[in-house]
């Protein structure tokens, strides 16, 4: 493994800032509904307490940022990096769109559609990342696991409230 350069430090900072910024944008939609609309929904017994979501998502965004950095730093050495970064960008946009659909539009159905596409793109991204960095792909495993759980929760909330 090569040393850590100034450009690596910049890439790491941008990677973390990008993912945390996406989380912040998503939280804008969430904050508008989490206190008023979300508590009125019927939820399954396995719905985590509200206090769990913030810390879990923060850790996931940090792991995503580290994964992004590990792949991005191979830019000059691996032609597979660019398509992997495109997938990362698409899933990050879908991640924010899920919050906009579920909490912003208050539509568990629209969010269910988004989360299915999001899950598929995350899987595709993990498969692209593993070809570049096993560690980067490994850092994304908790993310796809959480999105899998979130999809089950999303669909259950939709069916309980239609």
N, C-alpha and C. Protein backbone atom coordinates (compact mmCIF):
# COMPACT_ATOMS: atom_id res chain seq x y z
N UNK A 1 0.85 -1.19 0.00
CA UNK A 1 0.00 0.00 0.00
C UNK A 1 0.88 1.24 0.00
N UNK A 2 0.54 2.16 -0.81
CA UNK A 2 1.34 3.38 -0.89
C UNK A 2 1.07 4.28 0.32
N UNK A 3 1.93 5.29 0.49
CA UNK A 3 1.79 6.22 1.60
C UNK A 3 0.58 7.12 1.44
N UNK A 4 0.30 7.85 2.50
CA UNK A 4 -0.83 8.77 2.53
C UNK A 4 -0.35 10.15 2.12
N UNK A 5 -0.80 10.65 0.99
CA UNK A 5 -0.32 11.92 0.43
C UNK A 5 -1.28 13.06 0.77
N UNK A 6 -0.88 14.24 0.39
CA UNK A 6 -1.73 15.42 0.56
C UNK A 6 -3.00 15.26 -0.28
N UNK A 7 -2.86 14.74 -1.50
CA UNK A 7 -4.05 14.53 -2.33
C UNK A 7 -4.97 13.48 -1.72
N UNK A 8 -4.37 12.47 -1.04
CA UNK A 8 -5.20 11.49 -0.32
C UNK A 8 -5.99 12.16 0.80
N UNK A 9 -5.33 13.06 1.53
CA UNK A 9 -6.00 13.77 2.62
C UNK A 9 -7.17 14.60 2.08
N UNK A 10 -6.95 15.24 0.94
CA UNK A 10 -8.01 16.02 0.32
C UNK A 10 -9.15 15.12 -0.13
N UNK A 11 -8.81 14.01 -0.77
CA UNK A 11 -9.85 13.06 -1.21
C UNK A 11 -10.64 12.52 -0.02
N UNK A 12 -9.95 12.20 1.06
CA UNK A 12 -10.64 11.70 2.25
C UNK A 12 -11.60 12.75 2.79
N UNK A 13 -11.13 13.98 2.90
CA UNK A 13 -11.98 15.07 3.42
C UNK A 13 -13.20 15.28 2.52
N UNK A 14 -13.00 15.29 1.21
CA UNK A 14 -14.11 15.47 0.27
C UNK A 14 -15.08 14.29 0.35
N UNK A 15 -14.54 13.08 0.43
CA UNK A 15 -15.38 11.87 0.50
C UNK A 15 -16.28 11.90 1.73
N UNK A 16 -15.70 12.21 2.87
CA UNK A 16 -16.48 12.26 4.11
C UNK A 16 -17.48 13.42 4.07
N UNK A 17 -17.03 14.58 3.59
CA UNK A 17 -17.93 15.74 3.52
C UNK A 17 -19.10 15.48 2.58
N UNK A 18 -18.85 14.82 1.47
CA UNK A 18 -19.90 14.52 0.49
C UNK A 18 -20.97 13.62 1.09
N UNK A 19 -20.55 12.55 1.72
CA UNK A 19 -21.53 11.61 2.28
C UNK A 19 -22.28 12.23 3.46
N UNK A 20 -21.56 12.95 4.32
CA UNK A 20 -22.23 13.60 5.45
C UNK A 20 -23.17 14.70 4.97
N UNK A 21 -22.81 15.39 3.88
CA UNK A 21 -23.70 16.41 3.32
C UNK A 21 -24.99 15.77 2.80
N UNK A 22 -24.87 14.62 2.17
CA UNK A 22 -26.07 13.91 1.70
C UNK A 22 -26.95 13.55 2.89
N UNK A 23 -26.34 13.08 3.95
CA UNK A 23 -27.10 12.78 5.16
C UNK A 23 -27.79 14.01 5.71
N UNK A 24 -27.10 15.14 5.68
CA UNK A 24 -27.69 16.39 6.17
C UNK A 24 -28.88 16.79 5.32
N UNK A 25 -28.74 16.72 3.99
CA UNK A 25 -29.85 17.08 3.10
C UNK A 25 -31.05 16.15 3.36
N UNK A 26 -30.79 14.86 3.50
CA UNK A 26 -31.87 13.92 3.81
C UNK A 26 -32.54 14.26 5.13
N UNK A 27 -31.75 14.70 6.10
CA UNK A 27 -32.32 15.02 7.42
C UNK A 27 -33.22 16.24 7.38
N UNK A 28 -33.04 17.11 6.40
CA UNK A 28 -33.93 18.28 6.26
C UNK A 28 -35.35 17.79 6.00
N UNK A 29 -35.51 16.82 5.12
CA UNK A 29 -36.83 16.24 4.85
C UNK A 29 -37.36 15.51 6.07
N UNK A 30 -36.48 14.80 6.74
CA UNK A 30 -36.88 14.00 7.89
C UNK A 30 -37.37 14.89 9.03
N UNK A 31 -36.63 15.93 9.35
CA UNK A 31 -36.99 16.80 10.47
C UNK A 31 -38.38 17.41 10.32
N UNK A 32 -38.80 17.65 9.10
CA UNK A 32 -40.10 18.29 8.88
C UNK A 32 -41.27 17.35 9.24
N UNK A 33 -41.03 16.05 9.17
CA UNK A 33 -42.13 15.11 9.37
C UNK A 33 -41.98 14.21 10.58
N UNK A 34 -40.78 14.09 11.09
CA UNK A 34 -40.54 13.10 12.15
C UNK A 34 -41.28 13.44 13.44
N UNK A 35 -41.52 14.71 13.70
CA UNK A 35 -42.22 15.09 14.92
C UNK A 35 -43.72 15.10 14.81
N UNK A 36 -44.24 15.34 13.60
CA UNK A 36 -45.68 15.50 13.44
C UNK A 36 -46.34 14.32 12.71
N UNK A 37 -45.85 13.99 11.53
CA UNK A 37 -46.50 12.98 10.70
C UNK A 37 -46.09 11.56 11.07
N UNK A 38 -44.79 11.31 11.20
CA UNK A 38 -44.28 9.95 11.44
C UNK A 38 -44.88 9.30 12.70
N UNK A 39 -45.03 10.03 13.81
CA UNK A 39 -45.62 9.39 15.00
C UNK A 39 -47.07 8.93 14.81
N UNK A 40 -47.76 9.50 13.82
CA UNK A 40 -49.16 9.12 13.60
C UNK A 40 -49.30 7.82 12.81
N UNK A 41 -48.22 7.34 12.23
CA UNK A 41 -48.26 6.12 11.42
C UNK A 41 -48.31 4.88 12.31
N UNK A 42 -49.00 3.86 11.81
CA UNK A 42 -48.92 2.54 12.43
C UNK A 42 -47.58 1.95 12.03
N UNK A 43 -46.85 1.43 13.02
CA UNK A 43 -45.53 0.86 12.77
C UNK A 43 -45.45 -0.54 13.35
N UNK A 44 -44.61 -1.40 12.76
CA UNK A 44 -44.48 -2.76 13.29
C UNK A 44 -43.71 -2.77 14.62
N UNK A 45 -43.81 -3.88 15.33
CA UNK A 45 -43.13 -4.02 16.62
C UNK A 45 -41.62 -3.92 16.48
N UNK A 46 -41.08 -4.26 15.30
CA UNK A 46 -39.63 -4.23 15.11
C UNK A 46 -39.10 -2.85 14.70
N UNK A 47 -39.96 -1.84 14.70
CA UNK A 47 -39.53 -0.48 14.38
C UNK A 47 -38.59 0.01 15.49
N UNK A 48 -37.36 0.38 15.15
CA UNK A 48 -36.43 0.84 16.19
C UNK A 48 -36.89 2.16 16.81
N UNK A 49 -36.44 2.43 18.02
CA UNK A 49 -36.73 3.75 18.62
C UNK A 49 -36.11 4.86 17.78
N UNK A 50 -36.74 6.01 17.79
CA UNK A 50 -36.28 7.14 16.97
C UNK A 50 -34.81 7.49 17.25
N UNK A 51 -34.36 7.32 18.47
CA UNK A 51 -32.99 7.69 18.85
C UNK A 51 -31.94 6.83 18.16
N UNK A 52 -32.33 5.72 17.57
CA UNK A 52 -31.38 4.80 16.91
C UNK A 52 -30.97 5.33 15.53
N UNK A 53 -31.89 5.96 14.84
CA UNK A 53 -31.67 6.30 13.43
C UNK A 53 -30.51 7.26 13.21
N UNK A 54 -30.42 8.32 13.96
CA UNK A 54 -29.35 9.30 13.78
C UNK A 54 -27.96 8.70 13.91
N UNK A 55 -27.67 8.03 15.04
CA UNK A 55 -26.34 7.42 15.18
C UNK A 55 -26.04 6.36 14.13
N UNK A 56 -27.02 5.53 13.80
CA UNK A 56 -26.78 4.48 12.79
C UNK A 56 -26.44 5.12 11.45
N UNK A 57 -27.24 6.10 11.03
CA UNK A 57 -26.97 6.73 9.75
C UNK A 57 -25.64 7.47 9.74
N UNK A 58 -25.27 8.08 10.85
CA UNK A 58 -23.98 8.78 10.91
C UNK A 58 -22.84 7.81 10.68
N UNK A 59 -22.88 6.67 11.35
CA UNK A 59 -21.84 5.65 11.17
C UNK A 59 -21.85 5.14 9.72
N UNK A 60 -23.03 4.92 9.17
CA UNK A 60 -23.11 4.43 7.78
C UNK A 60 -22.56 5.45 6.79
N UNK A 61 -22.87 6.73 6.99
CA UNK A 61 -22.34 7.76 6.09
C UNK A 61 -20.83 7.86 6.21
N UNK A 62 -20.29 7.73 7.42
CA UNK A 62 -18.83 7.74 7.58
C UNK A 62 -18.20 6.54 6.88
N UNK A 63 -18.80 5.36 7.02
CA UNK A 63 -18.28 4.16 6.34
C UNK A 63 -18.37 4.32 4.83
N UNK A 64 -19.46 4.91 4.34
CA UNK A 64 -19.59 5.16 2.90
C UNK A 64 -18.51 6.12 2.43
N UNK A 65 -18.24 7.14 3.22
CA UNK A 65 -17.20 8.10 2.87
C UNK A 65 -15.82 7.46 2.81
N UNK A 66 -15.53 6.59 3.77
CA UNK A 66 -14.25 5.88 3.76
C UNK A 66 -14.16 4.95 2.55
N UNK A 67 -15.26 4.27 2.24
CA UNK A 67 -15.27 3.39 1.07
C UNK A 67 -15.05 4.19 -0.21
N UNK A 68 -15.71 5.32 -0.30
CA UNK A 68 -15.53 6.20 -1.46
C UNK A 68 -14.06 6.61 -1.59
N UNK A 69 -13.47 7.01 -0.50
CA UNK A 69 -12.06 7.41 -0.51
C UNK A 69 -11.16 6.27 -0.98
N UNK A 70 -11.36 5.07 -0.45
CA UNK A 70 -10.50 3.94 -0.80
C UNK A 70 -10.56 3.62 -2.30
N UNK A 71 -11.72 3.82 -2.90
CA UNK A 71 -11.85 3.57 -4.34
C UNK A 71 -11.31 4.76 -5.13
N UNK A 72 -11.66 5.95 -4.71
CA UNK A 72 -11.25 7.16 -5.43
C UNK A 72 -9.73 7.31 -5.47
N UNK A 73 -9.06 6.90 -4.42
CA UNK A 73 -7.59 7.07 -4.39
C UNK A 73 -6.90 6.16 -5.41
N UNK A 74 -7.62 5.21 -5.98
CA UNK A 74 -7.07 4.32 -7.02
C UNK A 74 -7.35 4.84 -8.42
N UNK A 75 -7.84 6.07 -8.53
CA UNK A 75 -8.27 6.68 -9.79
C UNK A 75 -7.25 6.47 -10.91
N UNK A 76 -6.01 6.80 -10.67
CA UNK A 76 -4.99 6.75 -11.73
C UNK A 76 -4.58 5.33 -12.06
N UNK A 77 -4.79 4.40 -11.14
CA UNK A 77 -4.26 3.05 -11.31
C UNK A 77 -5.28 2.04 -11.83
N UNK A 78 -6.56 2.38 -11.85
CA UNK A 78 -7.57 1.37 -12.15
C UNK A 78 -8.70 1.99 -12.97
N UNK A 79 -8.90 1.49 -14.17
CA UNK A 79 -9.93 2.02 -15.06
C UNK A 79 -11.35 1.72 -14.57
N UNK A 80 -11.49 0.83 -13.58
CA UNK A 80 -12.82 0.50 -13.06
C UNK A 80 -13.31 1.51 -12.03
N UNK A 81 -12.45 2.45 -11.66
CA UNK A 81 -12.82 3.42 -10.62
C UNK A 81 -13.94 4.34 -11.09
N UNK A 82 -13.82 4.88 -12.28
CA UNK A 82 -14.82 5.85 -12.76
C UNK A 82 -16.24 5.26 -12.76
N UNK A 83 -16.47 4.08 -13.33
CA UNK A 83 -17.83 3.53 -13.27
C UNK A 83 -18.29 3.27 -11.82
N UNK A 84 -17.37 2.88 -10.97
CA UNK A 84 -17.73 2.64 -9.56
C UNK A 84 -18.15 3.95 -8.89
N UNK A 85 -17.46 5.03 -9.22
CA UNK A 85 -17.81 6.34 -8.65
C UNK A 85 -19.16 6.84 -9.17
N UNK A 86 -19.46 6.51 -10.41
CA UNK A 86 -20.78 6.86 -10.97
C UNK A 86 -21.87 6.14 -10.18
N UNK A 87 -21.67 4.86 -9.91
CA UNK A 87 -22.65 4.10 -9.11
C UNK A 87 -22.78 4.69 -7.71
N UNK A 88 -21.65 5.06 -7.13
CA UNK A 88 -21.69 5.68 -5.80
C UNK A 88 -22.54 6.95 -5.84
N UNK A 89 -22.33 7.77 -6.85
CA UNK A 89 -23.08 9.02 -6.98
C UNK A 89 -24.58 8.77 -7.13
N UNK A 90 -24.92 7.79 -7.95
CA UNK A 90 -26.34 7.46 -8.17
C UNK A 90 -26.98 7.00 -6.87
N UNK A 91 -26.30 6.11 -6.13
CA UNK A 91 -26.90 5.62 -4.89
C UNK A 91 -27.02 6.74 -3.86
N UNK A 92 -26.08 7.68 -3.85
CA UNK A 92 -26.14 8.78 -2.90
C UNK A 92 -27.35 9.68 -3.19
N UNK A 93 -27.61 9.93 -4.47
CA UNK A 93 -28.79 10.71 -4.86
C UNK A 93 -30.06 9.95 -4.47
N UNK A 94 -30.10 8.66 -4.74
CA UNK A 94 -31.27 7.84 -4.37
C UNK A 94 -31.47 7.81 -2.86
N UNK A 95 -30.39 7.80 -2.13
CA UNK A 95 -30.46 7.83 -0.67
C UNK A 95 -31.21 9.07 -0.20
N UNK A 96 -30.85 10.22 -0.76
CA UNK A 96 -31.52 11.47 -0.40
C UNK A 96 -32.97 11.46 -0.91
N UNK A 97 -33.18 10.92 -2.11
CA UNK A 97 -34.54 10.85 -2.66
C UNK A 97 -35.47 10.01 -1.81
N UNK A 98 -34.92 8.98 -1.17
CA UNK A 98 -35.77 8.17 -0.29
C UNK A 98 -36.32 9.05 0.84
N UNK A 99 -35.46 9.83 1.47
CA UNK A 99 -35.92 10.73 2.55
C UNK A 99 -36.94 11.72 2.03
N UNK A 100 -36.69 12.23 0.82
CA UNK A 100 -37.63 13.18 0.22
C UNK A 100 -38.99 12.52 -0.05
N UNK A 101 -38.97 11.27 -0.50
CA UNK A 101 -40.22 10.57 -0.79
C UNK A 101 -40.96 10.19 0.49
N UNK A 102 -40.24 9.56 1.42
CA UNK A 102 -40.90 9.06 2.63
C UNK A 102 -41.33 10.20 3.54
N UNK A 103 -40.37 11.04 3.92
CA UNK A 103 -40.66 12.09 4.89
C UNK A 103 -41.11 13.40 4.24
N UNK A 104 -40.47 13.78 3.13
CA UNK A 104 -40.83 15.03 2.47
C UNK A 104 -42.21 14.96 1.84
N UNK A 105 -42.43 13.95 1.00
CA UNK A 105 -43.72 13.77 0.35
C UNK A 105 -44.71 12.99 1.20
N UNK A 106 -44.21 12.44 2.32
CA UNK A 106 -45.03 11.63 3.23
C UNK A 106 -45.71 10.49 2.48
N UNK A 107 -44.90 9.83 1.64
CA UNK A 107 -45.41 8.75 0.81
C UNK A 107 -44.59 7.48 0.98
N UNK A 108 -45.03 6.60 1.88
CA UNK A 108 -44.33 5.32 2.01
C UNK A 108 -44.33 4.51 0.71
N UNK A 109 -45.34 4.67 -0.13
CA UNK A 109 -45.37 3.96 -1.41
C UNK A 109 -44.27 4.46 -2.34
N UNK A 110 -44.16 5.77 -2.52
CA UNK A 110 -43.10 6.32 -3.38
C UNK A 110 -41.73 5.94 -2.81
N UNK A 111 -41.60 6.00 -1.49
CA UNK A 111 -40.33 5.63 -0.86
C UNK A 111 -40.01 4.17 -1.08
N UNK A 112 -41.03 3.31 -1.10
CA UNK A 112 -40.81 1.88 -1.35
C UNK A 112 -40.24 1.66 -2.75
N UNK A 113 -40.75 2.40 -3.71
CA UNK A 113 -40.22 2.30 -5.07
C UNK A 113 -38.75 2.75 -5.09
N UNK A 114 -38.47 3.87 -4.45
CA UNK A 114 -37.10 4.40 -4.42
C UNK A 114 -36.16 3.42 -3.72
N UNK A 115 -36.59 2.83 -2.61
CA UNK A 115 -35.69 1.98 -1.85
C UNK A 115 -35.35 0.68 -2.58
N UNK A 116 -36.26 0.20 -3.39
CA UNK A 116 -35.96 -0.99 -4.21
C UNK A 116 -34.85 -0.66 -5.21
N UNK A 117 -34.97 0.48 -5.87
CA UNK A 117 -33.94 0.90 -6.82
C UNK A 117 -32.63 1.19 -6.08
N UNK A 118 -32.74 1.87 -4.94
CA UNK A 118 -31.55 2.16 -4.13
C UNK A 118 -30.83 0.88 -3.75
N UNK A 119 -31.56 -0.12 -3.28
CA UNK A 119 -30.95 -1.39 -2.87
C UNK A 119 -30.21 -2.04 -4.04
N UNK A 120 -30.84 -2.05 -5.20
CA UNK A 120 -30.21 -2.65 -6.38
C UNK A 120 -28.93 -1.91 -6.77
N UNK A 121 -28.95 -0.59 -6.71
CA UNK A 121 -27.76 0.20 -7.07
C UNK A 121 -26.66 -0.01 -6.02
N UNK A 122 -27.03 -0.10 -4.74
CA UNK A 122 -26.03 -0.37 -3.70
C UNK A 122 -25.36 -1.71 -3.97
N UNK A 123 -26.14 -2.73 -4.27
CA UNK A 123 -25.57 -4.04 -4.56
C UNK A 123 -24.62 -3.97 -5.75
N UNK A 124 -25.04 -3.31 -6.80
CA UNK A 124 -24.20 -3.14 -7.99
C UNK A 124 -22.91 -2.40 -7.63
N UNK A 125 -23.04 -1.36 -6.79
CA UNK A 125 -21.89 -0.59 -6.35
C UNK A 125 -20.93 -1.46 -5.53
N UNK A 126 -21.45 -2.25 -4.61
CA UNK A 126 -20.60 -3.14 -3.80
C UNK A 126 -19.84 -4.09 -4.71
N UNK A 127 -20.51 -4.63 -5.70
CA UNK A 127 -19.85 -5.54 -6.64
C UNK A 127 -18.77 -4.81 -7.45
N UNK A 128 -19.01 -3.56 -7.77
CA UNK A 128 -17.99 -2.76 -8.48
C UNK A 128 -16.82 -2.42 -7.54
N UNK A 129 -17.13 -2.08 -6.30
CA UNK A 129 -16.09 -1.72 -5.34
C UNK A 129 -15.21 -2.91 -4.98
N UNK A 130 -15.78 -4.09 -4.89
CA UNK A 130 -14.99 -5.26 -4.46
C UNK A 130 -13.89 -5.57 -5.46
N UNK A 131 -14.08 -5.21 -6.72
CA UNK A 131 -13.06 -5.43 -7.75
C UNK A 131 -11.89 -4.45 -7.61
N UNK A 132 -12.12 -3.37 -6.87
CA UNK A 132 -11.11 -2.34 -6.69
C UNK A 132 -10.49 -2.41 -5.30
N UNK A 133 -11.33 -2.59 -4.28
CA UNK A 133 -10.87 -2.64 -2.89
C UNK A 133 -11.82 -3.50 -2.06
N UNK A 134 -11.29 -4.60 -1.54
CA UNK A 134 -12.10 -5.47 -0.69
C UNK A 134 -12.54 -4.72 0.57
N UNK A 135 -11.65 -3.90 1.11
CA UNK A 135 -11.99 -3.14 2.30
C UNK A 135 -13.13 -2.17 2.02
N UNK A 136 -13.07 -1.48 0.90
CA UNK A 136 -14.14 -0.54 0.54
C UNK A 136 -15.47 -1.27 0.43
N UNK A 137 -15.48 -2.40 -0.22
CA UNK A 137 -16.71 -3.19 -0.35
C UNK A 137 -17.19 -3.65 1.02
N UNK A 138 -16.27 -4.08 1.86
CA UNK A 138 -16.63 -4.53 3.21
C UNK A 138 -17.25 -3.42 4.04
N UNK A 139 -16.77 -2.21 3.86
CA UNK A 139 -17.34 -1.07 4.59
C UNK A 139 -18.79 -0.79 4.19
N UNK A 140 -19.19 -1.27 3.03
CA UNK A 140 -20.55 -1.04 2.54
C UNK A 140 -21.53 -2.14 2.95
N UNK A 141 -21.03 -3.23 3.49
CA UNK A 141 -21.92 -4.33 3.90
C UNK A 141 -22.93 -3.89 4.96
N UNK A 142 -22.52 -3.16 6.00
CA UNK A 142 -23.54 -2.69 6.96
C UNK A 142 -24.58 -1.76 6.31
N UNK A 143 -24.16 -1.01 5.32
CA UNK A 143 -25.08 -0.11 4.62
C UNK A 143 -26.16 -0.88 3.89
N UNK A 144 -25.77 -1.88 3.10
CA UNK A 144 -26.78 -2.65 2.37
C UNK A 144 -27.64 -3.46 3.34
N UNK A 145 -27.05 -3.89 4.45
CA UNK A 145 -27.84 -4.61 5.46
C UNK A 145 -28.89 -3.68 6.07
N UNK A 146 -28.49 -2.46 6.40
CA UNK A 146 -29.43 -1.51 6.99
C UNK A 146 -30.51 -1.11 5.99
N UNK A 147 -30.13 -0.90 4.73
CA UNK A 147 -31.12 -0.55 3.71
C UNK A 147 -32.07 -1.72 3.47
N UNK A 148 -31.58 -2.94 3.59
CA UNK A 148 -32.47 -4.12 3.50
C UNK A 148 -33.51 -4.08 4.62
N UNK A 149 -33.04 -3.82 5.83
CA UNK A 149 -33.95 -3.70 6.98
C UNK A 149 -34.91 -2.53 6.76
N UNK A 150 -34.38 -1.40 6.31
CA UNK A 150 -35.22 -0.23 6.07
C UNK A 150 -36.28 -0.51 5.01
N UNK A 151 -35.94 -1.31 4.01
CA UNK A 151 -36.92 -1.66 2.97
C UNK A 151 -38.06 -2.48 3.57
N UNK A 152 -37.72 -3.45 4.40
CA UNK A 152 -38.76 -4.24 5.07
C UNK A 152 -39.63 -3.33 5.93
N UNK A 153 -39.00 -2.44 6.67
CA UNK A 153 -39.73 -1.51 7.52
C UNK A 153 -40.61 -0.59 6.67
N UNK A 154 -40.06 -0.06 5.58
CA UNK A 154 -40.81 0.82 4.67
C UNK A 154 -42.04 0.11 4.12
N UNK A 155 -41.87 -1.10 3.60
CA UNK A 155 -43.00 -1.83 3.03
C UNK A 155 -44.03 -2.17 4.10
N UNK A 156 -43.58 -2.53 5.30
CA UNK A 156 -44.51 -2.85 6.38
C UNK A 156 -45.31 -1.62 6.77
N UNK A 157 -44.65 -0.48 6.89
CA UNK A 157 -45.36 0.76 7.22
C UNK A 157 -46.37 1.10 6.12
N UNK A 158 -45.97 0.91 4.88
CA UNK A 158 -46.91 1.17 3.78
C UNK A 158 -48.17 0.28 3.93
N UNK A 159 -47.97 -1.02 4.13
CA UNK A 159 -49.11 -1.93 4.21
C UNK A 159 -49.96 -1.69 5.45
N UNK A 160 -49.36 -1.29 6.55
CA UNK A 160 -50.11 -1.02 7.78
C UNK A 160 -50.93 0.27 7.69
N UNK A 161 -50.56 1.16 6.78
CA UNK A 161 -51.18 2.49 6.74
C UNK A 161 -51.94 2.79 5.46
N UNK A 162 -52.16 1.81 4.61
CA UNK A 162 -52.87 2.13 3.37
C UNK A 162 -54.36 2.06 3.55
